[in-house]
Amino acid sequence: MNTTAAINIIARYEARDAVKAALRAQGLKLRDFAPRGITVLVQAYLAEHPEVFDQAAAIARRCKSHK
């Protein structure tokens, strides 16, 4: 897997966790959301928080250095 793909995967994973945590904090149940609905929220989150990609790049670099 190339580094760009790894960064994108990690960023989406981190954003998904943040979105899910925000929904839970609002007292909402994840089961009330279709997977596609969460994906749309994740995409919006990534658009509003580009720093997630920087954090993902740092994680990818740490993982790559452990090889």
N, C-alpha and C. Protein backbone atom coordinates (compact mmCIF):
# COMPACT_ATOMS: atom_id res chain seq x y z
N MET A 1 0.86 -1.17 0.00
CA MET A 1 0.00 0.00 0.00
C MET A 1 0.91 1.24 0.00
N ASN A 2 0.55 2.21 -0.82
CA ASN A 2 1.37 3.41 -0.85
C ASN A 2 1.00 4.34 0.31
N THR A 3 1.87 5.29 0.56
CA THR A 3 1.71 6.17 1.71
C THR A 3 0.46 7.03 1.61
N THR A 4 0.14 7.53 0.43
CA THR A 4 -1.04 8.37 0.26
C THR A 4 -2.31 7.61 0.60
N ALA A 5 -2.39 6.38 0.14
CA ALA A 5 -3.57 5.56 0.44
C ALA A 5 -3.66 5.31 1.94
N ALA A 6 -2.54 5.02 2.57
CA ALA A 6 -2.53 4.78 4.01
C ALA A 6 -2.99 6.02 4.77
N ILE A 7 -2.53 7.18 4.36
CA ILE A 7 -2.93 8.43 5.02
C ILE A 7 -4.42 8.64 4.88
N ASN A 8 -4.97 8.41 3.70
CA ASN A 8 -6.41 8.58 3.50
C ASN A 8 -7.23 7.60 4.34
N ILE A 9 -6.77 6.37 4.41
CA ILE A 9 -7.48 5.37 5.21
C ILE A 9 -7.46 5.75 6.68
N ILE A 10 -6.29 6.13 7.18
CA ILE A 10 -6.17 6.51 8.59
C ILE A 10 -7.00 7.75 8.88
N ALA A 11 -6.99 8.74 7.98
CA ALA A 11 -7.77 9.96 8.19
C ALA A 11 -9.26 9.65 8.24
N ARG A 12 -9.73 8.80 7.34
CA ARG A 12 -11.16 8.44 7.37
C ARG A 12 -11.52 7.69 8.65
N TYR A 13 -10.63 6.82 9.09
CA TYR A 13 -10.87 6.06 10.32
C TYR A 13 -10.96 7.01 11.52
N GLU A 14 -10.01 7.93 11.61
CA GLU A 14 -10.01 8.89 12.72
C GLU A 14 -11.24 9.80 12.66
N ALA A 15 -11.60 10.24 11.46
CA ALA A 15 -12.78 11.11 11.31
C ALA A 15 -14.05 10.35 11.68
N ARG A 16 -14.13 9.10 11.29
CA ARG A 16 -15.31 8.28 11.62
C ARG A 16 -15.44 8.15 13.14
N ASP A 17 -14.33 7.93 13.81
CA ASP A 17 -14.37 7.84 15.28
C ASP A 17 -14.84 9.15 15.90
N ALA A 18 -14.35 10.27 15.36
CA ALA A 18 -14.74 11.58 15.89
C ALA A 18 -16.22 11.85 15.67
N VAL A 19 -16.72 11.50 14.49
CA VAL A 19 -18.14 11.69 14.18
C VAL A 19 -19.01 10.83 15.09
N LYS A 20 -18.62 9.58 15.26
CA LYS A 20 -19.39 8.69 16.13
C LYS A 20 -19.40 9.19 17.56
N ALA A 21 -18.26 9.66 18.03
CA ALA A 21 -18.18 10.19 19.40
C ALA A 21 -19.06 11.42 19.55
N ALA A 22 -19.08 12.28 18.53
CA ALA A 22 -19.92 13.48 18.59
C ALA A 22 -21.40 13.12 18.60
N LEU A 23 -21.78 12.13 17.82
CA LEU A 23 -23.18 11.70 17.80
C LEU A 23 -23.58 11.13 19.17
N ARG A 24 -22.70 10.31 19.73
CA ARG A 24 -22.99 9.74 21.06
C ARG A 24 -23.08 10.84 22.11
N ALA A 25 -22.21 11.85 22.02
CA ALA A 25 -22.21 12.95 22.98
C ALA A 25 -23.52 13.74 22.93
N GLN A 26 -24.15 13.72 21.77
CA GLN A 26 -25.44 14.41 21.61
C GLN A 26 -26.60 13.51 22.07
N GLY A 27 -26.27 12.33 22.54
CA GLY A 27 -27.30 11.40 23.01
C GLY A 27 -27.98 10.62 21.91
N LEU A 28 -27.39 10.64 20.72
CA LEU A 28 -27.97 9.92 19.58
C LEU A 28 -27.43 8.50 19.54
N LYS A 29 -28.20 7.61 18.98
CA LYS A 29 -27.81 6.21 18.83
C LYS A 29 -27.29 5.99 17.41
N LEU A 30 -26.15 5.32 17.30
CA LEU A 30 -25.57 5.05 15.99
C LEU A 30 -26.47 4.16 15.15
N ARG A 31 -27.23 3.31 15.81
CA ARG A 31 -28.12 2.41 15.06
C ARG A 31 -29.22 3.16 14.32
N ASP A 32 -29.45 4.42 14.69
CA ASP A 32 -30.47 5.22 14.02
C ASP A 32 -29.96 5.86 12.73
N PHE A 33 -28.69 5.64 12.41
CA PHE A 33 -28.09 6.23 11.22
C PHE A 33 -27.73 5.13 10.23
N ALA A 34 -28.05 5.36 8.97
CA ALA A 34 -27.62 4.46 7.92
C ALA A 34 -26.10 4.63 7.75
N PRO A 35 -25.39 3.58 7.37
CA PRO A 35 -23.95 3.72 7.16
C PRO A 35 -23.60 4.86 6.19
N ARG A 36 -24.42 5.01 5.17
CA ARG A 36 -24.17 6.08 4.20
C ARG A 36 -24.29 7.45 4.87
N GLY A 37 -25.23 7.59 5.79
CA GLY A 37 -25.39 8.85 6.50
C GLY A 37 -24.16 9.21 7.32
N ILE A 38 -23.58 8.20 7.96
CA ILE A 38 -22.35 8.44 8.72
C ILE A 38 -21.21 8.79 7.78
N THR A 39 -21.14 8.14 6.63
CA THR A 39 -20.11 8.44 5.65
C THR A 39 -20.20 9.88 5.18
N VAL A 40 -21.41 10.36 4.95
CA VAL A 40 -21.60 11.77 4.54
C VAL A 40 -21.10 12.70 5.64
N LEU A 41 -21.41 12.37 6.89
CA LEU A 41 -20.94 13.19 8.01
C LEU A 41 -19.41 13.15 8.12
N VAL A 42 -18.82 12.00 7.85
CA VAL A 42 -17.36 11.87 7.88
C VAL A 42 -16.73 12.74 6.80
N GLN A 43 -17.30 12.72 5.60
CA GLN A 43 -16.76 13.55 4.52
C GLN A 43 -16.84 15.03 4.87
N ALA A 44 -17.95 15.44 5.47
CA ALA A 44 -18.09 16.83 5.89
C ALA A 44 -17.07 17.16 6.98
N TYR A 45 -16.88 16.23 7.91
CA TYR A 45 -15.91 16.44 8.99
C TYR A 45 -14.51 16.64 8.41
N LEU A 46 -14.13 15.79 7.46
CA LEU A 46 -12.81 15.91 6.84
C LEU A 46 -12.65 17.23 6.10
N ALA A 47 -13.71 17.70 5.47
CA ALA A 47 -13.65 18.98 4.75
C ALA A 47 -13.46 20.14 5.74
N GLU A 48 -14.04 20.01 6.92
CA GLU A 48 -13.95 21.07 7.93
C GLU A 48 -12.70 20.96 8.80
N HIS A 49 -12.07 19.81 8.83
CA HIS A 49 -10.91 19.56 9.68
C HIS A 49 -9.76 18.95 8.88
N PRO A 50 -9.13 19.73 8.01
CA PRO A 50 -8.03 19.18 7.20
C PRO A 50 -6.82 18.76 8.04
N GLU A 51 -6.76 19.20 9.28
CA GLU A 51 -5.64 18.80 10.14
C GLU A 51 -5.65 17.30 10.42
N VAL A 52 -6.78 16.66 10.20
CA VAL A 52 -6.85 15.20 10.40
C VAL A 52 -5.88 14.50 9.45
N PHE A 53 -5.70 15.04 8.25
CA PHE A 53 -4.76 14.44 7.30
C PHE A 53 -3.32 14.57 7.80
N ASP A 54 -3.00 15.70 8.45
CA ASP A 54 -1.66 15.86 9.02
C ASP A 54 -1.43 14.85 10.13
N GLN A 55 -2.44 14.65 10.96
CA GLN A 55 -2.33 13.67 12.04
C GLN A 55 -2.19 12.26 11.45
N ALA A 56 -2.94 11.98 10.40
CA ALA A 56 -2.86 10.67 9.76
C ALA A 56 -1.48 10.46 9.13
N ALA A 57 -0.91 11.51 8.56
CA ALA A 57 0.42 11.39 7.97
C ALA A 57 1.45 11.07 9.04
N ALA A 58 1.30 11.69 10.21
CA ALA A 58 2.23 11.41 11.31
C ALA A 58 2.10 9.96 11.76
N ILE A 59 0.89 9.46 11.84
CA ILE A 59 0.67 8.06 12.22
C ILE A 59 1.29 7.13 11.18
N ALA A 60 1.08 7.44 9.90
CA ALA A 60 1.63 6.60 8.82
C ALA A 60 3.15 6.59 8.86
N ARG A 61 3.76 7.75 9.14
CA ARG A 61 5.22 7.81 9.24
C ARG A 61 5.73 6.95 10.40
N ARG A 62 5.02 7.02 11.55
CA ARG A 62 5.44 6.20 12.69
C ARG A 62 5.34 4.71 12.36
N CYS A 63 4.26 4.32 11.68
CA CYS A 63 4.09 2.91 11.32
C CYS A 63 5.15 2.47 10.33
N LYS A 64 5.46 3.33 9.39
CA LYS A 64 6.44 2.99 8.37
C LYS A 64 7.85 2.85 8.98
N SER A 65 8.13 3.65 10.00
CA SER A 65 9.45 3.60 10.61
C SER A 65 9.65 2.36 11.47
N HIS A 66 8.57 1.67 11.81
CA HIS A 66 8.66 0.46 12.62
C HIS A 66 8.93 -0.79 11.80
N LYS A 67 8.98 -0.66 10.50
CA LYS A 67 9.21 -1.83 9.64
C LYS A 67 10.65 -2.24 9.66
